[in-house]
Structures are given as structure tokens and as C-alpha cells.
N, C-alpha and C. Protein backbone atom coordinates (compact mmCIF):
# COMPACT_ATOMS: atom_id res chain seq x y z
N UNK A 1 -5.87 14.41 -13.16
CA UNK A 1 -4.73 13.57 -13.36
C UNK A 1 -4.47 12.70 -12.16
N UNK A 2 -4.28 11.36 -12.66
CA UNK A 2 -4.21 10.35 -11.44
C UNK A 2 -2.62 10.17 -11.01
N UNK A 3 -2.21 10.04 -9.90
CA UNK A 3 -0.98 9.82 -9.24
C UNK A 3 -1.15 8.74 -8.09
N UNK A 4 -0.23 7.80 -8.51
CA UNK A 4 -0.22 6.62 -7.65
C UNK A 4 1.25 6.46 -7.05
N UNK A 5 1.40 6.00 -5.84
CA UNK A 5 2.76 5.89 -5.16
C UNK A 5 3.33 4.61 -5.58
N UNK A 6 4.47 4.90 -6.46
CA UNK A 6 5.23 3.98 -6.95
C UNK A 6 6.25 3.39 -5.98
N UNK A 7 6.90 4.31 -5.42
CA UNK A 7 7.92 3.86 -4.30
C UNK A 7 8.04 4.77 -3.41
N UNK A 8 8.75 4.34 -2.23
CA UNK A 8 9.02 5.35 -1.24
C UNK A 8 10.60 5.27 -0.99
N UNK A 9 11.32 6.39 -1.06
CA UNK A 9 12.73 6.47 -0.72
C UNK A 9 13.22 7.10 0.54
N UNK A 10 14.21 6.64 1.07
CA UNK A 10 14.85 7.12 2.44
C UNK A 10 16.37 7.20 2.55
N UNK A 11 16.84 7.97 3.38
CA UNK A 11 18.31 8.12 3.54
C UNK A 11 18.70 7.01 4.37
N UNK A 12 19.89 6.20 3.93
CA UNK A 12 20.50 5.16 4.90
C UNK A 12 21.88 5.07 4.38
N UNK A 13 22.86 5.59 5.52
CA UNK A 13 24.11 5.58 5.34
C UNK A 13 24.56 6.52 4.12
N UNK A 14 23.86 7.73 4.32
CA UNK A 14 24.15 8.83 3.39
C UNK A 14 23.88 8.34 1.91
N UNK A 15 23.11 7.56 1.65
CA UNK A 15 22.54 6.99 0.52
C UNK A 15 21.02 6.99 0.35
N UNK A 16 20.57 7.35 -0.80
CA UNK A 16 19.05 7.29 -0.71
C UNK A 16 18.74 5.72 -1.27
N UNK A 17 17.78 5.09 -0.47
CA UNK A 17 17.48 3.86 -0.86
C UNK A 17 16.08 3.88 -1.41
N UNK A 18 15.71 3.20 -2.25
CA UNK A 18 14.27 3.29 -2.83
C UNK A 18 13.69 1.84 -2.82
N UNK A 19 12.50 1.80 -2.33
CA UNK A 19 11.64 0.62 -2.01
C UNK A 19 10.54 0.84 -3.17
N UNK A 20 10.29 -0.09 -3.85
CA UNK A 20 9.07 -0.13 -4.73
C UNK A 20 8.11 -0.99 -4.07
N UNK A 21 6.80 -0.55 -4.28
CA UNK A 21 5.51 -1.26 -3.85
C UNK A 21 5.35 -2.52 -4.46
N UNK A 22 5.00 -3.41 -3.84
CA UNK A 22 4.76 -4.97 -4.33
C UNK A 22 3.22 -4.91 -5.17
N UNK A 23 2.82 -5.86 -5.61
CA UNK A 23 1.57 -5.99 -6.44
C UNK A 23 0.45 -5.78 -5.29
N UNK A 24 0.58 -5.93 -4.22
CA UNK A 24 -0.43 -5.82 -3.15
C UNK A 24 -0.34 -4.34 -2.62
N UNK A 25 0.39 -3.45 -2.95
CA UNK A 25 0.58 -2.04 -2.54
C UNK A 25 1.37 -1.98 -1.26
N UNK A 26 2.16 -2.96 -0.84
CA UNK A 26 2.91 -2.84 0.36
C UNK A 26 4.19 -2.68 0.06
N UNK A 27 4.98 -2.24 1.06
CA UNK A 27 6.53 -2.02 1.03
C UNK A 27 7.33 -2.91 1.76
N UNK A 28 8.16 -3.74 1.22
CA UNK A 28 8.80 -4.69 2.19
C UNK A 28 10.20 -4.13 2.76
N UNK A 29 10.31 -4.39 4.06
CA UNK A 29 11.56 -4.16 4.72
C UNK A 29 12.00 -5.39 5.51
N UNK A 30 13.43 -5.56 5.68
CA UNK A 30 13.92 -6.80 6.48
C UNK A 30 13.48 -6.67 7.76
N UNK A 31 13.12 -7.81 8.37
CA UNK A 31 12.72 -8.03 9.70
C UNK A 31 13.51 -9.23 10.33
N UNK A 32 14.16 -9.06 11.37
CA UNK A 32 14.85 -10.18 12.32
C UNK A 32 13.95 -11.31 12.79
N UNK A 33 13.93 -12.43 12.38
CA UNK A 33 12.97 -13.50 12.81
C UNK A 33 13.37 -14.12 14.08
N UNK A 34 14.74 -14.28 14.09
CA UNK A 34 15.19 -14.78 15.48
C UNK A 34 16.76 -14.78 15.45
N UNK A 35 17.41 -14.81 16.42
CA UNK A 35 18.87 -14.89 16.52
C UNK A 35 19.28 -16.14 16.66
N UNK A 36 20.43 -16.38 16.08
CA UNK A 36 21.01 -18.06 16.18
C UNK A 36 22.13 -18.00 17.15
N UNK A 37 22.38 -19.23 17.74
CA UNK A 37 23.39 -19.47 18.56
C UNK A 37 24.71 -19.11 18.15
N UNK A 38 24.93 -19.22 16.86
CA UNK A 38 26.37 -18.78 16.19
C UNK A 38 26.57 -17.54 16.13
N UNK A 39 25.44 -16.72 16.68
CA UNK A 39 25.93 -15.15 16.66
C UNK A 39 25.04 -14.31 15.56
N UNK A 40 24.67 -15.17 14.61
CA UNK A 40 23.97 -14.63 13.39
C UNK A 40 22.55 -14.49 13.53
N UNK A 41 21.76 -14.21 12.67
CA UNK A 41 20.29 -14.05 12.65
C UNK A 41 19.71 -14.52 11.38
N UNK A 42 18.33 -15.00 11.57
CA UNK A 42 17.60 -15.19 10.43
C UNK A 42 16.50 -13.93 10.16
N UNK A 43 16.62 -13.48 8.90
CA UNK A 43 15.63 -12.22 8.68
C UNK A 43 14.72 -12.69 7.47
N UNK A 44 13.74 -12.09 7.27
CA UNK A 44 13.04 -12.22 6.25
C UNK A 44 12.30 -10.77 5.71
N UNK A 45 11.59 -10.61 4.56
CA UNK A 45 11.16 -9.32 4.15
C UNK A 45 9.70 -9.37 4.78
N UNK A 46 9.40 -8.39 5.49
CA UNK A 46 8.02 -8.06 6.06
C UNK A 46 7.36 -7.02 5.21
N UNK A 47 6.17 -7.20 4.76
CA UNK A 47 5.43 -6.13 4.15
C UNK A 47 4.76 -5.12 4.98
N UNK A 48 4.99 -3.89 4.69
CA UNK A 48 4.28 -2.91 5.48
C UNK A 48 3.17 -2.13 4.51
N UNK A 49 2.28 -1.45 5.16
CA UNK A 49 1.41 -0.53 4.27
C UNK A 49 2.35 0.66 4.25
N UNK A 50 1.92 1.56 3.29
CA UNK A 50 2.52 2.93 3.14
C UNK A 50 2.63 3.60 4.63
N UNK A 51 1.79 3.74 5.18
CA UNK A 51 1.62 4.50 6.41
C UNK A 51 2.50 3.75 7.63
N UNK A 52 2.42 2.47 7.42
CA UNK A 52 3.15 1.72 8.60
C UNK A 52 4.81 1.91 8.05
N UNK A 53 5.10 1.91 7.07
CA UNK A 53 6.26 2.13 6.34
C UNK A 53 6.95 3.42 6.95
N UNK A 54 6.11 4.50 6.62
CA UNK A 54 6.59 5.88 6.75
C UNK A 54 6.79 6.06 8.46
N UNK A 55 6.07 5.27 9.05
CA UNK A 55 5.95 5.19 10.77
C UNK A 55 7.13 4.33 11.33
N UNK A 56 7.69 3.55 10.61
CA UNK A 56 8.54 2.67 11.04
C UNK A 56 9.72 3.57 11.63
N UNK A 57 10.17 3.26 12.95
CA UNK A 57 11.32 3.72 13.52
C UNK A 57 12.77 4.24 12.71
N UNK A 58 13.01 3.22 11.91
CA UNK A 58 14.11 3.45 11.10
C UNK A 58 13.84 4.22 9.86
N UNK A 59 12.58 4.56 9.67
CA UNK A 59 12.41 5.16 8.21
C UNK A 59 11.96 6.71 8.64
N UNK A 60 11.28 6.73 9.54
CA UNK A 60 10.65 8.41 9.79
C UNK A 60 11.79 9.52 10.12
N UNK A 61 12.78 9.01 10.55
CA UNK A 61 13.74 9.75 10.71
C UNK A 61 14.88 9.92 9.63
N UNK A 62 14.73 8.99 8.55
CA UNK A 62 15.42 9.14 7.43
C UNK A 62 14.91 9.71 6.21
N UNK A 63 13.93 10.93 6.35
CA UNK A 63 13.55 11.63 5.31
C UNK A 63 13.10 10.97 4.17
N UNK A 64 11.74 10.14 4.49
CA UNK A 64 11.15 9.53 3.45
C UNK A 64 10.45 10.46 2.44
N UNK A 65 10.54 10.01 1.04
CA UNK A 65 9.98 10.74 0.05
C UNK A 65 9.16 9.84 -0.97
N UNK A 66 7.94 10.29 -1.40
CA UNK A 66 7.13 9.20 -2.11
C UNK A 66 7.35 9.73 -3.61
N UNK A 67 7.69 8.53 -4.37
CA UNK A 67 7.85 8.98 -5.81
C UNK A 67 6.45 8.30 -6.67
N UNK A 68 5.92 9.38 -7.27
CA UNK A 68 4.54 9.25 -7.84
C UNK A 68 4.52 8.62 -9.23
N UNK A 69 3.44 8.27 -9.68
CA UNK A 69 3.43 7.59 -11.17
C UNK A 69 3.55 8.67 -12.18
N UNK A 70 3.29 9.86 -11.86
CA UNK A 70 3.54 10.98 -12.68
C UNK A 70 4.98 11.71 -12.83
N UNK A 71 5.80 10.96 -11.94
CA UNK A 71 7.27 11.45 -12.13
C UNK A 71 7.31 12.39 -10.93
N UNK A 72 6.54 12.82 -10.37
CA UNK A 72 6.76 13.88 -9.31
C UNK A 72 7.17 13.16 -7.75
N UNK A 73 7.50 14.06 -7.04
CA UNK A 73 8.12 13.55 -5.70
C UNK A 73 7.57 14.16 -4.72
N UNK A 74 6.99 13.56 -3.53
CA UNK A 74 6.42 14.14 -2.41
C UNK A 74 7.31 14.10 -1.16
N UNK A 75 7.81 14.98 -0.50
CA UNK A 75 8.31 14.69 0.76
C UNK A 75 7.54 14.53 1.86
N UNK A 76 7.45 13.42 2.65
CA UNK A 76 6.48 12.86 3.64
C UNK A 76 6.39 13.92 4.89
N UNK A 77 7.72 14.42 5.47
CA UNK A 77 7.63 15.31 6.38
C UNK A 77 8.41 16.64 6.11
N UNK A 78 7.72 17.70 6.73
CA UNK A 78 8.24 19.06 6.43
C UNK A 78 9.90 19.24 6.81
N UNK A 79 10.87 19.71 6.14
CA UNK A 79 12.05 19.58 6.54
C UNK A 79 12.64 18.55 7.18
N UNK A 80 12.21 17.39 6.84
CA UNK A 80 12.70 16.04 7.29
C UNK A 80 12.33 15.85 8.65
N UNK A 81 11.51 16.58 9.39
CA UNK A 81 11.05 16.53 10.75
C UNK A 81 9.94 15.73 10.76
N UNK A 82 10.07 14.57 11.55
CA UNK A 82 8.74 13.70 11.78
C UNK A 82 7.58 14.18 12.39
N UNK A 83 7.84 15.32 13.00
CA UNK A 83 6.47 15.91 13.86
C UNK A 83 5.73 16.86 12.95
N UNK A 84 6.19 16.88 11.80
CA UNK A 84 5.66 18.13 10.73
C UNK A 84 5.16 17.31 9.54
N UNK A 85 4.24 16.28 9.43
CA UNK A 85 3.97 15.77 8.23
C UNK A 85 3.27 16.53 7.07
N UNK A 86 3.37 16.32 5.89
CA UNK A 86 3.01 17.26 4.61
C UNK A 86 1.48 16.72 4.57
N UNK A 87 0.60 17.82 4.40
CA UNK A 87 -0.74 17.23 4.24
C UNK A 87 -1.01 16.37 2.84
N UNK A 88 -0.31 16.97 1.83
CA UNK A 88 -0.71 16.31 0.53
C UNK A 88 0.05 14.71 0.54
N UNK A 89 1.10 14.66 1.13
CA UNK A 89 1.69 13.33 0.87
C UNK A 89 0.88 12.27 1.95
N UNK A 90 0.48 12.84 3.09
CA UNK A 90 -0.20 11.91 4.24
C UNK A 90 -1.43 11.45 3.41
N UNK A 91 -2.28 12.42 2.57
CA UNK A 91 -3.31 12.08 1.91
C UNK A 91 -3.16 11.06 0.83
N UNK A 92 -2.11 11.15 0.12
CA UNK A 92 -1.54 10.31 -0.96
C UNK A 92 -1.40 8.79 -0.18
N UNK A 93 -0.69 8.82 0.82
CA UNK A 93 -0.63 7.58 1.67
C UNK A 93 -1.99 7.01 2.01
N UNK A 94 -2.76 7.61 2.63
CA UNK A 94 -3.94 7.14 3.01
C UNK A 94 -4.83 6.58 1.92
N UNK A 95 -4.91 7.24 0.86
CA UNK A 95 -5.63 6.85 -0.49
C UNK A 95 -5.00 5.64 -0.94
N UNK A 96 -3.60 5.67 -0.95
CA UNK A 96 -2.91 4.22 -1.47
C UNK A 96 -3.48 3.00 -0.51
N UNK A 97 -3.28 3.20 0.74
CA UNK A 97 -3.53 2.19 1.72
C UNK A 97 -4.86 1.82 1.49
N UNK A 98 -5.80 2.69 1.40
CA UNK A 98 -7.28 2.51 1.45
C UNK A 98 -7.62 1.49 0.00
N UNK A 99 -7.26 2.11 -1.09
CA UNK A 99 -7.32 1.43 -2.26
C UNK A 99 -6.84 -0.25 -2.36
N UNK A 100 -5.52 -0.10 -1.78
CA UNK A 100 -5.12 -1.76 -1.72
C UNK A 100 -5.65 -2.43 -0.93
N UNK A 101 -6.03 -1.88 0.51
CA UNK A 101 -7.00 -2.69 1.39
C UNK A 101 -8.35 -3.02 0.65
N UNK A 102 -8.89 -2.22 0.13
CA UNK A 102 -10.04 -2.63 -0.87
C UNK A 102 -10.07 -3.73 -1.74
N UNK A 103 -8.83 -3.73 -2.46
CA UNK A 103 -8.50 -4.59 -3.66
C UNK A 103 -8.26 -6.00 -2.69
N UNK A 104 -7.57 -6.06 -1.83
CA UNK A 104 -7.32 -7.19 -0.90
C UNK A 104 -8.58 -7.98 -0.51
N UNK A 105 -9.52 -7.22 0.10
CA UNK A 105 -10.58 -7.65 0.71
C UNK A 105 -11.35 -8.19 -0.40
N UNK A 106 -11.66 -7.29 -1.53
CA UNK A 106 -12.60 -7.97 -2.79
C UNK A 106 -11.92 -9.21 -3.23
N UNK A 107 -10.68 -9.43 -3.17
CA UNK A 107 -9.93 -10.48 -3.66
C UNK A 107 -10.33 -11.88 -2.85
N UNK A 108 -9.94 -11.50 -1.48
CA UNK A 108 -10.28 -12.60 -0.64
C UNK A 108 -11.70 -12.96 -0.58
N UNK A 109 -12.80 -12.21 -0.80
CA UNK A 109 -14.04 -12.39 -0.73
C UNK A 109 -14.28 -13.39 -2.08
N UNK A 110 -13.57 -12.92 -3.42
CA UNK A 110 -13.80 -13.63 -4.55
C UNK A 110 -13.15 -14.96 -4.45
N UNK A 111 -12.07 -15.22 -3.58
CA UNK A 111 -11.54 -16.50 -3.44
C UNK A 111 -12.45 -17.21 -2.59
N UNK A 112 -13.07 -17.00 -1.44
CA UNK A 112 -13.74 -17.52 -0.55
C UNK A 112 -14.99 -18.08 -1.34
N UNK A 113 -15.76 -17.30 -2.23
CA UNK A 113 -16.78 -17.52 -2.82
C UNK A 113 -16.54 -18.75 -4.03
N UNK A 114 -15.21 -18.69 -4.59
CA UNK A 114 -14.92 -19.60 -5.53
C UNK A 114 -14.57 -21.00 -4.98
N UNK A 115 -13.97 -20.90 -3.72
CA UNK A 115 -13.46 -22.15 -3.07
C UNK A 115 -14.83 -22.93 -2.54
N UNK A 116 -16.08 -22.09 -2.36
CA UNK A 116 -17.16 -22.94 -1.83
C UNK A 116 -17.62 -23.98 -3.10
N UNK A 117 -17.19 -23.62 -4.32
CA UNK A 117 -17.78 -24.29 -5.36
C UNK A 117 -18.97 -24.01 -5.92
N UNK A 118 -19.47 -22.83 -5.58
CA UNK A 118 -20.66 -22.37 -6.20
C UNK A 118 -20.65 -22.13 -7.58
N UNK A 119 -22.07 -21.94 -8.06
CA UNK A 119 -21.85 -21.95 -9.66
C UNK A 119 -21.81 -20.38 -9.86
N UNK A 120 -21.43 -19.92 -10.98
CA UNK A 120 -21.08 -18.57 -11.56
C UNK A 120 -22.30 -18.17 -11.68
N UNK A 121 -22.63 -16.89 -11.29
CA UNK A 121 -24.14 -16.14 -11.50
C UNK A 121 -23.82 -15.36 -12.78
N UNK A 122 -24.88 -14.96 -13.36
CA UNK A 122 -24.95 -13.99 -14.46
C UNK A 122 -24.82 -12.48 -13.80
N UNK A 123 -24.21 -11.54 -14.43
CA UNK A 123 -24.18 -10.25 -14.13
C UNK A 123 -25.44 -9.79 -13.68
N UNK A 124 -25.44 -9.07 -12.46
CA UNK A 124 -26.71 -8.23 -12.14
C UNK A 124 -26.68 -6.83 -12.59
N UNK A 125 -27.75 -6.33 -12.93
CA UNK A 125 -27.85 -4.95 -13.20
C UNK A 125 -26.89 -4.47 -14.09
N UNK A 126 -26.33 -5.16 -15.12
CA UNK A 126 -25.58 -4.79 -16.10
C UNK A 126 -23.97 -4.75 -15.68
N UNK A 127 -23.61 -5.25 -14.48
CA UNK A 127 -22.43 -5.20 -14.03
C UNK A 127 -21.49 -6.28 -14.74
N UNK A 128 -20.00 -6.06 -14.45
CA UNK A 128 -19.31 -7.23 -15.06
C UNK A 128 -18.77 -8.15 -13.87
N UNK A 129 -19.13 -7.90 -12.64
CA UNK A 129 -18.72 -8.68 -11.45
C UNK A 129 -19.34 -10.07 -11.56
N UNK A 130 -20.59 -10.07 -11.87
CA UNK A 130 -21.01 -11.69 -12.03
C UNK A 130 -21.55 -12.06 -10.78
N UNK A 131 -21.63 -11.10 -9.63
CA UNK A 131 -22.18 -11.58 -8.44
C UNK A 131 -23.27 -10.49 -7.88
N UNK A 132 -23.96 -10.88 -6.82
CA UNK A 132 -24.85 -10.06 -6.36
C UNK A 132 -24.01 -8.93 -5.50
N UNK A 133 -24.27 -7.59 -5.91
CA UNK A 133 -23.45 -6.44 -5.67
C UNK A 133 -23.81 -6.19 -4.22
N UNK A 134 -24.75 -6.64 -3.58
CA UNK A 134 -25.33 -6.28 -2.02
C UNK A 134 -24.29 -6.88 -1.28
N UNK A 135 -23.30 -7.77 -1.45
CA UNK A 135 -22.39 -8.44 -0.92
C UNK A 135 -21.19 -7.38 -0.55
N UNK A 136 -21.05 -6.55 -1.54
CA UNK A 136 -19.58 -5.96 -1.42
C UNK A 136 -20.02 -4.63 -0.73
N UNK A 137 -19.25 -4.16 0.43
CA UNK A 137 -19.34 -3.23 1.43
C UNK A 137 -19.33 -1.84 0.63
N UNK A 138 -18.80 -1.75 -0.59
CA UNK A 138 -18.47 -0.36 -1.09
C UNK A 138 -19.13 -0.41 -2.56
N UNK A 139 -20.36 -1.13 -2.52
CA UNK A 139 -21.16 -1.28 -3.80
C UNK A 139 -21.40 0.13 -4.56
N UNK A 140 -21.68 1.29 -3.71
CA UNK A 140 -22.01 2.33 -4.38
C UNK A 140 -20.90 3.41 -4.48
N UNK A 141 -19.57 2.84 -4.13
CA UNK A 141 -18.37 3.63 -4.07
C UNK A 141 -17.86 3.37 -5.63
N UNK A 142 -17.60 4.40 -6.34
CA UNK A 142 -16.98 4.42 -7.72
C UNK A 142 -15.59 3.99 -7.57
N UNK A 143 -15.34 2.98 -7.75
CA UNK A 143 -14.12 2.21 -7.52
C UNK A 143 -13.29 2.30 -8.92
N UNK A 144 -12.09 2.82 -9.17
CA UNK A 144 -11.22 2.90 -10.20
C UNK A 144 -9.74 2.68 -9.84
N UNK A 145 -8.94 2.07 -10.47
CA UNK A 145 -7.43 1.96 -10.24
C UNK A 145 -6.89 3.10 -9.99
N UNK A 146 -7.46 4.14 -10.87
CA UNK A 146 -6.58 5.62 -10.53
C UNK A 146 -7.40 6.50 -9.73
N UNK A 147 -6.52 7.14 -8.85
CA UNK A 147 -7.16 8.27 -7.85
C UNK A 147 -6.52 9.68 -8.23
N UNK A 148 -7.36 10.45 -7.98
CA UNK A 148 -6.88 11.96 -8.06
C UNK A 148 -6.43 12.59 -6.79
N UNK A 149 -5.47 13.10 -6.57
CA UNK A 149 -5.16 13.83 -5.24
C UNK A 149 -5.34 15.17 -5.42
N UNK A 150 -5.78 15.74 -6.58
CA UNK A 150 -5.85 17.20 -6.63
C UNK A 150 -6.79 17.77 -5.85
């Protein structure tokens, strides 16, 4: 059974706030860019990896909970205490970040090679990538969009 992290929720002002993952697998939070002379501030949404998100000072003490694609939920910290992480949730977070980091690197590599204007190569060894697989650091890694946590 495959289970992906769909969102992470946390308590804020006695209400549970849910932040969905973006297409890059990151979770955005507002970040203050600069303070204005008028007393206000300019903020923007800063994307965090799942691990950075749950370790954020405002999130880790707010009882973060993972919502998975199969509908189940995993509490990140035992009894909402940030000193006692739950192994299953930490494993899901690490897998989530590793998969999205790999996707990002592969996408950047493919953009670099297409920007050079090189001709398209035919698939090597029956693969569908169309590139020499020796350039990929995880060539012998069986990569699939789904992952099992069982």
C-alpha cells in the first residue's frame, strides 16, 4: 500500500490549520521579508521541506499531524511533545523529502541538458528516459512515484 504525505496540519489559535504540499513537495509558510518604516511589514510564502516544516519553531510546539494519501493521519510527536518524535512519521517525512529532492535534481539535470541545445538521444537499453543512464546518480535505484512505509 502506498502512502504519501498530502498535507501537514498544526494548531494555531485553538484551530487546526492545514498546509498542503505544493507540486515540488514543499510546504509554504509566511516569512517576513522586511519591516517597513510605516510600522508594517512585507511578507511572502517561503517553501519548506517536510522536515524543515515540522522543525520550524512555530510548528513543532503546535502538535503537527501528517495527513496521508490513504486517508490516515500520523501524529509527528508523541503526546505533542517535540522531544519524542514518532518513528513512523519521521520515516514518512524522510522518504517524502528524499523522493521530492530526487525529482527536483532530475528535473534540473534535464533542463540543463535541454538548454544546451543538444540533440535528443534514442533510449538506451530499452529505457524511456532517452538519455545515457550513467549520468543519473540513482540509476540502479528503482524509482517510483509511490512508496511504501509498511
